[in-house]
Amino acid sequence: MDWQVGTGRRVITPHNDVWLAGYGSKRAAEGAIHDLWVKVLAIRDGGGKTLVMATTDHMGMSRSIYERILEKVRSRYGIQRAEFMLTFSHNHCGPCLTDDLVDYYPSDDEQRRMVTEYTDWMIDQVVDAVGEAMDGLEPARLSMGEGVCTFAVNRRENTEEEVITLRAEGKPLKGAVDHYVPVLAIRDAAGDLRAVLFGYACHPTTLSFNYWCGDYPGFAQINLEDAHPGVDAMFLNACGADANPIPRRELQYCEQYGKMLSDAVEAVLTGPMQPVTGDLAAAFEFIDLDYDELVTRETLLPVANGASALHARWANRMLKMIDEGVVFPTSYEYPVQAWRIGDELTLIAIGGEAVVDYSLRFKKDFGPGTWVCGYANDMAAYVPSRRVWEEGGYEGGRHLDEYGRPAWRWAGDIEDRIAGAVQRVVEAVRAGDG
């Protein structure tokens, strides 16, 4: 048995008055439905190479947080950039974090202090959970499978009212979705389940109330851990930027979707799964994603004096930077990562809110055993495919301002650039160069 696996976890529910993230408004927490977690999976092959994945119940991790966590993990445990993956569920009932969506909320100095205080504490919890996983490495068996879960809806093509009507009439919904549920099972030497990593492509936006909660991924993890005492269940969000859970806004729907997802995972765990054997490889690349057009004083002034408080905050910050002589970059440094786990599994991880087209494309390009994770290493922004870029709309149009970028839109070659980088990192790990 060549694999060794360790897991670690820490509660990351805030202890101060930091607001909830998402939806661009002040949302002060009134309590908790259940705790938020960071959970870590460490895998080591027979040659001693180790990969570490941290999964969290946060909405988004800024580049600065990722770099801070990576530096601590690298200095304490010797894990290099390609070998470390930081994922976040994109849960909208988690806390605001430093440098993520900085113009999004009407924060004052005290709230910003709370965000900093919580972020600093949270980073230490993530790093400690990594240490627990590294210290707990034990012989293990890996197996993989894929299930199906059907509540995700293409939100660009279907209104909530249409979804309810079409489902009641038994008619198909419109638009691209990715209903696959990748499952990696970790069992000990005796064959007992020790941990499970699973994914799904859908926004965790079932809820919009003011309580800490992991949304449907949180309930799915709780269900699996209740059904398998002592097991660590971990969630990663695939490319669900254009998918919503519908209907939503009620806790019962959140529990229902969590049950649907955990049932899908259980179906995989109780069926035949493919053993994962071999060694590990990892590759990482930053690529420059060009902006379509940088902001100028002339284009910012109407926004700074406009009706949207959110966009006015952004525009005034940009204007202040122009006054201070800041030269805006013409592109953004974007993370692309691939892991090969044994001979059977290739995991691709890309930053930001990637639309479903990326998962569908890469699974087709690279064949069976390819899993695709969005929401990894950097919240970045919405990441449209060429199709979505041409269509425009919220995910593909002029919305980089909400992420604090000095532009409204990506250049139209964004998919080509990302796909080229993914091709390189996948080739590297499949050749064993990672």
Protein backbone atom coordinates (compact mmCIF):
# COMPACT_ATOMS: atom_id res chain seq x y z
CA MET A 1 0.00 0.00 0.00
CA ASP A 2 1.91 3.03 -1.30
CA TRP A 3 -0.43 5.87 -0.26
CA GLN A 4 -0.34 7.72 3.02
CA VAL A 5 -3.17 10.13 3.82
CA GLY A 6 -3.76 12.58 6.65
CA THR A 7 -6.65 14.91 7.44
CA GLY A 8 -7.01 17.97 9.60
CA ARG A 9 -9.83 20.33 10.50
CA ARG A 10 -10.56 23.47 12.47
CA VAL A 11 -13.72 25.43 13.18
CA ILE A 12 -13.55 28.84 11.46
CA THR A 13 -16.88 30.29 12.57
CA PRO A 14 -16.17 33.94 13.46
CA HIS A 15 -15.94 34.99 17.10
CA ASN A 16 -16.17 38.70 16.37
CA ASP A 17 -18.72 40.90 14.61
CA VAL A 18 -17.42 40.56 11.06
CA TRP A 19 -20.24 40.75 8.49
CA LEU A 20 -21.41 37.97 6.25
CA ALA A 21 -20.00 38.01 2.72
CA GLY A 22 -21.99 38.23 -0.49
CA TYR A 23 -24.86 40.24 -1.90
CA GLY A 24 -23.09 43.60 -1.49
CA SER A 25 -24.84 44.78 1.68
CA LYS A 26 -24.32 45.01 5.42
CA ARG A 27 -25.22 41.63 6.90
CA ALA A 28 -24.45 41.38 10.60
CA ALA A 29 -24.61 37.82 11.92
CA GLU A 30 -27.52 36.94 14.20
CA GLY A 31 -26.29 33.46 15.05
CA ALA A 32 -25.24 30.17 13.47
CA ILE A 33 -27.14 27.28 11.89
CA HIS A 34 -23.97 25.21 12.09
CA ASP A 35 -20.22 25.82 12.27
CA LEU A 36 -17.98 26.74 9.36
CA TRP A 37 -14.87 24.64 8.75
CA VAL A 38 -11.52 24.40 7.11
CA LYS A 39 -10.73 20.78 6.31
CA VAL A 40 -7.42 19.60 4.90
CA LEU A 41 -6.44 16.52 2.93
CA ALA A 42 -2.77 15.53 2.64
CA ILE A 43 -1.76 12.70 0.28
CA ARG A 44 1.77 11.23 0.08
CA ASP A 45 2.97 8.68 -2.47
CA GLY A 46 5.53 5.93 -2.07
CA GLY A 47 8.34 8.22 -3.16
CA GLY A 48 7.56 10.80 -0.48
CA LYS A 49 5.89 13.44 -2.67
CA THR A 50 3.02 15.14 -0.85
CA LEU A 51 0.00 17.11 -2.07
CA VAL A 52 -2.09 19.22 0.32
CA MET A 53 -5.60 20.55 -0.32
CA ALA A 54 -7.37 22.93 2.04
CA THR A 55 -11.16 23.21 1.63
CA THR A 56 -13.07 26.00 3.36
CA ASP A 57 -16.63 27.26 3.82
CA HIS A 58 -15.69 30.78 2.67
CA MET A 59 -17.14 32.78 -0.18
CA GLY A 60 -13.78 33.75 -1.63
CA MET A 61 -10.07 33.93 -0.83
CA SER A 62 -8.11 36.93 -2.06
CA ARG A 63 -4.71 36.54 -3.67
CA SER A 64 -3.09 38.10 -0.62
CA ILE A 65 -4.65 35.55 1.75
CA TYR A 66 -3.59 32.69 -0.52
CA GLU A 67 -0.01 33.96 -0.56
CA ARG A 68 0.08 34.36 3.21
CA ILE A 69 -1.23 30.85 3.81
CA LEU A 70 1.11 29.38 1.19
CA GLU A 71 4.16 31.05 2.72
CA LYS A 72 3.34 29.67 6.18
CA VAL A 73 2.67 26.19 4.79
CA ARG A 74 5.88 26.30 2.76
CA SER A 75 8.07 27.47 5.64
CA ARG A 76 6.63 25.08 8.24
CA TYR A 77 6.02 21.94 6.20
CA GLY A 78 8.08 22.28 3.02
CA ILE A 79 5.03 22.21 0.72
CA GLN A 80 5.67 24.15 -2.49
CA ARG A 81 3.18 26.18 -4.54
CA ALA A 82 2.31 23.46 -7.05
CA GLU A 83 1.73 20.98 -4.21
CA PHE A 84 -0.72 23.19 -2.27
CA MET A 85 -4.29 23.92 -3.32
CA LEU A 86 -6.56 26.36 -1.46
CA THR A 87 -10.23 25.92 -2.33
CA PHE A 88 -13.32 27.70 -1.07
CA SER A 89 -16.95 26.69 -1.48
CA HIS A 90 -18.14 30.22 -2.42
CA ASN A 91 -20.64 30.04 0.42
CA HIS A 92 -22.60 33.29 0.82
CA CYS A 93 -23.24 32.69 4.52
CA GLY A 94 -19.56 32.87 5.44
CA PRO A 95 -17.57 35.91 6.62
CA CYS A 96 -16.00 38.79 4.72
CA LEU A 97 -12.24 38.45 4.28
CA THR A 98 -9.33 40.82 3.74
CA ASP A 99 -8.82 42.10 0.17
CA ASP A 100 -11.80 40.16 -1.22
CA LEU A 101 -14.45 42.34 -2.90
CA VAL A 102 -13.02 45.39 -1.15
CA ASP A 103 -15.53 47.86 -2.62
CA TYR A 104 -18.51 45.57 -2.30
CA TYR A 105 -19.65 46.40 1.22
CA PRO A 106 -20.44 49.72 2.99
CA SER A 107 -17.73 48.99 5.56
CA ASP A 108 -16.42 51.53 8.05
CA ASP A 109 -13.04 51.49 9.80
CA GLU A 110 -14.35 49.34 12.66
CA GLN A 111 -15.75 46.73 10.29
CA ARG A 112 -12.50 46.67 8.32
CA ARG A 113 -10.66 46.10 11.62
CA MET A 114 -12.99 43.18 12.35
CA VAL A 115 -12.33 41.69 8.91
CA THR A 116 -8.57 41.94 9.44
CA GLU A 117 -8.81 40.45 12.92
CA TYR A 118 -10.89 37.50 11.71
CA THR A 119 -8.74 36.92 8.61
CA ASP A 120 -5.52 36.81 10.65
CA TRP A 121 -7.05 34.28 13.04
CA MET A 122 -8.53 32.21 10.21
CA ILE A 123 -5.18 31.94 8.42
CA ASP A 124 -3.66 30.40 11.54
CA GLN A 125 -6.51 27.87 11.71
CA VAL A 126 -5.89 26.82 8.11
CA VAL A 127 -2.17 26.39 8.70
CA ASP A 128 -2.77 24.45 11.93
CA ALA A 129 -5.18 22.14 10.09
CA VAL A 130 -2.47 21.52 7.49
CA GLY A 131 -0.11 20.60 10.29
CA GLU A 132 -2.64 18.18 11.73
CA ALA A 133 -3.04 16.51 8.35
CA MET A 134 0.73 16.24 7.87
CA ASP A 135 1.21 14.80 11.35
CA GLY A 136 -1.58 12.26 10.81
CA LEU A 137 -0.32 10.62 7.62
CA GLU A 138 -1.15 6.90 7.69
CA PRO A 139 -1.34 4.09 5.10
CA ALA A 140 -4.47 4.37 2.99
CA ARG A 141 -6.26 3.19 -0.12
CA LEU A 142 -7.73 5.61 -2.65
CA SER A 143 -10.66 5.00 -4.97
CA MET A 144 -12.66 7.28 -7.23
CA GLY A 145 -16.06 7.47 -8.84
CA GLU A 146 -18.58 9.94 -10.24
CA GLY A 147 -22.26 10.40 -9.42
CA VAL A 148 -25.06 12.68 -10.52
CA CYS A 149 -27.05 15.39 -8.71
CA THR A 150 -29.60 17.50 -10.54
CA PHE A 151 -30.61 20.59 -8.55
CA ALA A 152 -28.16 23.01 -10.24
CA VAL A 153 -29.85 25.23 -12.84
CA ASN A 154 -28.30 27.44 -15.52
CA ARG A 155 -29.21 30.84 -14.11
CA ARG A 156 -28.47 32.68 -17.35
CA GLU A 157 -31.14 30.75 -19.24
CA ASN A 158 -33.87 30.15 -16.63
CA THR A 159 -35.67 32.47 -14.22
CA GLU A 160 -36.74 31.09 -10.87
CA GLU A 161 -40.40 31.32 -11.90
CA GLU A 162 -39.70 29.43 -15.14
CA VAL A 163 -37.87 26.66 -13.31
CA ILE A 164 -40.77 25.93 -10.99
CA THR A 165 -43.27 25.94 -13.86
CA LEU A 166 -41.16 23.84 -16.24
CA ARG A 167 -40.38 21.25 -13.57
CA ALA A 168 -44.06 21.01 -12.63
CA GLU A 169 -44.87 20.40 -16.29
CA GLY A 170 -42.08 17.87 -16.66
CA LYS A 171 -40.33 19.96 -19.28
CA PRO A 172 -36.54 20.30 -19.66
CA LEU A 173 -34.70 23.41 -18.49
CA LYS A 174 -32.47 25.46 -20.76
CA GLY A 175 -28.74 26.08 -20.82
CA ALA A 176 -25.51 24.30 -19.98
CA VAL A 177 -25.09 22.64 -16.58
CA ASP A 178 -22.68 20.12 -15.11
CA HIS A 179 -24.44 17.71 -12.79
CA TYR A 180 -21.51 15.38 -12.18
CA VAL A 181 -20.40 14.63 -8.61
CA PRO A 182 -16.73 13.60 -8.44
CA VAL A 183 -15.95 11.46 -5.37
CA LEU A 184 -12.57 10.46 -3.96
CA ALA A 185 -12.79 7.92 -1.13
CA ILE A 186 -9.95 7.41 1.33
CA ARG A 187 -9.99 4.15 3.26
CA ASP A 188 -7.57 2.85 5.86
CA ALA A 189 -5.60 -0.38 5.67
CA ALA A 190 -8.59 -2.32 6.98
CA GLY A 191 -10.84 -0.87 4.27
CA ASP A 192 -12.80 1.43 6.57
CA LEU A 193 -13.78 4.83 5.16
CA ARG A 194 -11.64 7.59 6.61
CA ALA A 195 -12.36 10.62 4.42
CA VAL A 196 -14.27 11.60 1.30
CA LEU A 197 -13.66 14.48 -1.08
CA PHE A 198 -16.54 15.39 -3.38
CA GLY A 199 -17.57 18.24 -5.64
CA TYR A 200 -20.43 19.91 -7.46
CA ALA A 201 -20.87 22.83 -9.87
CA CYS A 202 -23.35 25.26 -8.35
CA HIS A 203 -23.44 28.53 -6.44
CA PRO A 204 -23.99 28.05 -2.69
CA THR A 205 -26.58 30.84 -2.70
CA THR A 206 -29.61 28.97 -1.43
CA LEU A 207 -29.61 31.23 1.60
CA SER A 208 -29.40 35.00 2.01
CA PHE A 209 -30.22 35.37 5.70
CA ASN A 210 -27.88 36.61 8.41
CA TYR A 211 -26.75 33.35 10.01
CA TRP A 212 -23.48 31.49 9.67
CA CYS A 213 -24.09 28.40 7.61
CA GLY A 214 -22.27 26.32 5.00
CA ASP A 215 -25.27 26.38 2.64
CA TYR A 216 -25.96 23.15 0.73
CA PRO A 217 -22.27 22.01 0.81
CA GLY A 218 -22.30 22.42 4.58
CA PHE A 219 -25.39 20.25 4.98
CA ALA A 220 -24.02 17.65 2.55
CA GLN A 221 -20.81 17.38 4.59
CA ILE A 222 -22.74 17.11 7.86
CA ASN A 223 -24.96 14.37 6.42
CA LEU A 224 -21.96 12.31 5.32
CA GLU A 225 -20.14 12.75 8.62
CA ASP A 226 -23.27 11.80 10.58
CA ALA A 227 -23.67 8.68 8.44
CA HIS A 228 -19.99 7.77 8.79
CA PRO A 229 -18.75 8.71 12.28
CA GLY A 230 -15.09 9.70 12.34
CA VAL A 231 -14.99 10.45 8.61
CA ASP A 232 -13.93 13.87 7.28
CA ALA A 233 -16.18 14.98 4.40
CA MET A 234 -14.72 17.74 2.20
CA PHE A 235 -16.35 19.75 -0.58
CA LEU A 236 -14.87 21.52 -3.59
CA ASN A 237 -16.86 23.70 -5.96
CA ALA A 238 -16.48 22.84 -9.62
CA CYS A 239 -17.21 25.40 -12.37
CA GLY A 240 -20.58 26.63 -11.18
CA ALA A 241 -20.38 30.37 -11.82
CA ASP A 242 -23.48 30.32 -14.03
CA ALA A 243 -25.45 27.78 -11.97
CA ASN A 244 -27.83 28.42 -9.08
CA PRO A 245 -29.84 26.21 -6.75
CA ILE A 246 -33.47 26.92 -7.67
CA PRO A 247 -35.84 27.40 -5.90
CA ARG A 248 -34.04 28.96 -2.96
CA ARG A 249 -34.11 31.50 -0.09
CA GLU A 250 -35.57 29.03 2.41
CA LEU A 251 -33.65 26.79 4.81
CA GLN A 252 -35.72 23.77 3.78
CA TYR A 253 -34.37 24.03 0.22
CA CYS A 254 -30.83 24.23 1.52
CA GLU A 255 -31.33 21.08 3.57
CA GLN A 256 -33.00 19.40 0.59
CA TYR A 257 -30.10 20.18 -1.76
CA GLY A 258 -27.57 19.08 0.83
CA LYS A 259 -29.45 15.77 1.13
CA MET A 260 -29.58 15.35 -2.65
CA LEU A 261 -25.83 15.90 -2.88
CA SER A 262 -24.90 13.65 0.04
CA ASP A 263 -27.20 10.94 -1.37
CA ALA A 264 -25.36 11.21 -4.69
CA VAL A 265 -22.04 10.76 -2.87
CA GLU A 266 -23.41 7.80 -0.89
CA ALA A 267 -24.52 6.14 -4.12
CA VAL A 268 -20.94 6.33 -5.39
CA LEU A 269 -19.46 5.10 -2.10
CA THR A 270 -21.72 2.04 -2.00
CA GLY A 271 -21.16 1.13 -5.64
CA PRO A 272 -18.09 -0.11 -7.50
CA MET A 273 -15.27 2.44 -7.38
CA GLN A 274 -12.04 2.56 -9.35
CA PRO A 275 -8.86 2.04 -7.32
CA VAL A 276 -6.33 4.85 -7.65
CA THR A 277 -2.75 3.62 -7.85
CA GLY A 278 0.59 5.09 -8.79
CA ASP A 279 2.31 8.28 -7.73
CA LEU A 280 1.70 12.03 -7.53
CA ALA A 281 2.60 14.92 -9.79
CA ALA A 282 1.80 18.64 -9.57
CA ALA A 283 2.20 21.66 -11.83
CA PHE A 284 1.30 25.32 -11.42
CA GLU A 285 1.42 28.33 -13.71
CA PHE A 286 0.45 31.98 -13.45
CA ILE A 287 -0.80 33.45 -16.71
CA ASP A 288 -1.61 37.02 -17.68
CA LEU A 289 -5.26 37.60 -18.49
CA ASP A 290 -5.56 40.88 -20.38
CA TYR A 291 -8.15 43.50 -19.58
CA ASP A 292 -10.31 44.69 -22.43
CA GLU A 293 -9.90 48.39 -21.60
CA LEU A 294 -8.50 50.17 -18.58
CA VAL A 295 -10.52 52.78 -16.72
CA THR A 296 -9.74 56.48 -17.12
CA ARG A 297 -10.72 59.58 -15.20
CA GLU A 298 -13.29 60.39 -17.85
CA THR A 299 -14.95 56.98 -17.72
CA LEU A 300 -14.86 56.84 -13.92
CA LEU A 301 -16.39 60.22 -13.08
CA PRO A 302 -19.98 59.34 -14.09
CA VAL A 303 -19.76 56.16 -12.03
CA ALA A 304 -18.28 57.96 -9.03
CA ASN A 305 -21.28 60.29 -9.05
CA GLY A 306 -23.81 57.65 -10.03
CA ALA A 307 -26.70 56.00 -8.22
CA SER A 308 -24.93 52.75 -7.29
CA ALA A 309 -23.13 53.12 -3.98
CA LEU A 310 -21.13 49.95 -4.62
CA HIS A 311 -19.80 51.12 -7.97
CA ALA A 312 -19.24 54.64 -6.68
CA ARG A 313 -16.98 53.26 -3.93
CA TRP A 314 -14.95 51.44 -6.57
CA ALA A 315 -14.78 54.41 -8.94
CA ASN A 316 -13.70 56.82 -6.21
CA ARG A 317 -10.97 54.41 -5.11
CA MET A 318 -9.76 54.17 -8.71
CA LEU A 319 -9.80 57.96 -9.04
CA LYS A 320 -7.77 58.30 -5.85
CA MET A 321 -5.20 55.87 -7.25
CA ILE A 322 -5.00 57.87 -10.48
CA ASP A 323 -4.46 61.05 -8.43
CA GLU A 324 -1.64 59.29 -6.58
CA GLY A 325 0.08 58.42 -9.86
CA VAL A 326 -0.66 54.71 -9.81
CA VAL A 327 -0.15 53.06 -13.20
CA PHE A 328 -2.74 50.34 -13.60
CA PRO A 329 -1.63 46.94 -14.91
CA THR A 330 -3.05 45.92 -18.28
CA SER A 331 -3.55 42.32 -17.17
CA TYR A 332 -4.19 40.14 -14.13
CA GLU A 333 -1.96 37.30 -12.93
CA TYR A 334 -4.24 34.26 -12.84
CA PRO A 335 -3.54 30.82 -11.26
CA VAL A 336 -3.82 27.53 -13.16
CA GLN A 337 -2.95 24.24 -11.45
CA ALA A 338 -3.07 20.51 -12.14
CA TRP A 339 -2.53 17.46 -9.97
CA ARG A 340 -2.17 13.88 -11.08
CA ILE A 341 -3.24 11.50 -8.33
CA GLY A 342 -2.16 8.05 -9.40
CA ASP A 343 -2.59 6.91 -12.97
CA GLU A 344 -6.35 7.41 -12.91
CA LEU A 345 -7.15 10.94 -11.69
CA THR A 346 -6.21 14.36 -13.08
CA LEU A 347 -7.50 17.32 -11.07
CA ILE A 348 -7.47 20.73 -12.77
CA ALA A 349 -7.89 23.80 -10.55
CA ILE A 350 -8.48 27.31 -11.88
CA GLY A 351 -9.06 30.57 -10.07
CA GLY A 352 -12.15 32.70 -9.76
CA GLU A 353 -15.74 32.04 -10.68
CA ALA A 354 -15.39 29.93 -13.80
CA VAL A 355 -18.49 29.11 -15.84
CA VAL A 356 -19.55 25.55 -16.56
CA ASP A 357 -18.12 25.59 -20.10
CA TYR A 358 -14.61 25.17 -18.64
CA SER A 359 -15.45 21.94 -16.85
CA LEU A 360 -17.31 20.53 -19.83
CA ARG A 361 -14.45 21.45 -22.17
CA PHE A 362 -11.60 20.12 -20.06
CA LYS A 363 -13.32 16.83 -19.29
CA LYS A 364 -13.81 16.38 -23.03
CA ASP A 365 -10.26 17.50 -23.88
CA PHE A 366 -8.47 15.30 -21.34
CA GLY A 367 -10.77 12.32 -21.10
CA PRO A 368 -12.06 10.04 -18.32
CA GLY A 369 -10.67 10.67 -14.87
CA THR A 370 -10.48 14.44 -15.39
CA TRP A 371 -12.01 16.54 -12.62
CA VAL A 372 -12.21 20.33 -12.76
CA CYS A 373 -12.28 22.64 -9.74
CA GLY A 374 -13.06 26.34 -9.93
CA TYR A 375 -12.82 28.64 -6.91
CA ALA A 376 -9.19 27.72 -6.25
CA ASN A 377 -6.27 29.80 -4.95
CA ASP A 378 -7.71 33.22 -5.86
CA MET A 379 -11.26 34.57 -6.07
CA ALA A 380 -10.06 36.75 -9.01
CA ALA A 381 -13.44 37.53 -10.69
CA TYR A 382 -16.02 35.90 -12.91
CA VAL A 383 -14.24 33.86 -15.57
CA PRO A 384 -16.34 33.60 -18.75
CA SER A 385 -15.80 31.25 -21.63
CA ARG A 386 -15.65 32.77 -25.10
CA ARG A 387 -19.32 31.91 -25.56
CA VAL A 388 -20.35 33.64 -22.34
CA TRP A 389 -18.04 36.59 -23.09
CA GLU A 390 -19.78 37.12 -26.42
CA GLU A 391 -23.22 36.79 -24.85
CA GLY A 392 -22.34 39.27 -22.09
CA GLY A 393 -24.59 39.38 -19.06
CA TYR A 394 -23.51 39.25 -15.45
CA GLU A 395 -20.88 36.52 -15.79
CA GLY A 396 -19.50 37.65 -19.15
CA GLY A 397 -19.98 41.39 -19.35
CA ARG A 398 -18.72 44.54 -17.66
CA HIS A 399 -18.47 43.41 -14.05
CA LEU A 400 -14.78 43.36 -13.11
CA ASP A 401 -15.41 46.60 -11.23
CA GLU A 402 -17.21 44.64 -8.51
CA TYR A 403 -13.99 42.70 -7.93
CA GLY A 404 -11.96 45.88 -7.59
CA ARG A 405 -10.13 45.58 -10.91
CA PRO A 406 -9.07 48.69 -12.91
CA ALA A 407 -11.23 47.63 -15.84
CA TRP A 408 -14.78 46.56 -16.57
CA ARG A 409 -14.13 43.49 -18.66
CA TRP A 410 -11.61 40.80 -19.65
CA ALA A 411 -10.22 40.68 -23.16
CA GLY A 412 -12.02 38.29 -25.48
CA ASP A 413 -9.18 35.73 -25.62
CA ILE A 414 -9.62 34.74 -21.97
CA GLU A 415 -10.71 31.16 -22.68
CA ASP A 416 -7.86 30.58 -25.14
CA ARG A 417 -5.29 31.78 -22.60
CA ILE A 418 -6.68 29.65 -19.78
CA ALA A 419 -7.06 26.59 -22.00
CA GLY A 420 -3.48 26.94 -23.21
CA ALA A 421 -2.17 27.05 -19.65
CA VAL A 422 -4.33 24.09 -18.62
CA GLN A 423 -2.95 22.12 -21.56
CA ARG A 424 0.60 22.81 -20.37
CA VAL A 425 0.08 21.87 -16.72
CA VAL A 426 -1.88 18.73 -17.60
CA GLU A 427 0.81 17.63 -20.02
CA ALA A 428 3.41 18.26 -17.34
CA VAL A 429 1.73 16.12 -14.69
CA ARG A 430 0.82 13.33 -17.09
CA ALA A 431 4.41 13.21 -18.23
CA GLY A 432 5.49 13.02 -14.62
CA ASP A 433 7.33 16.34 -14.80
CA GLY A 434 5.48 17.72 -11.80
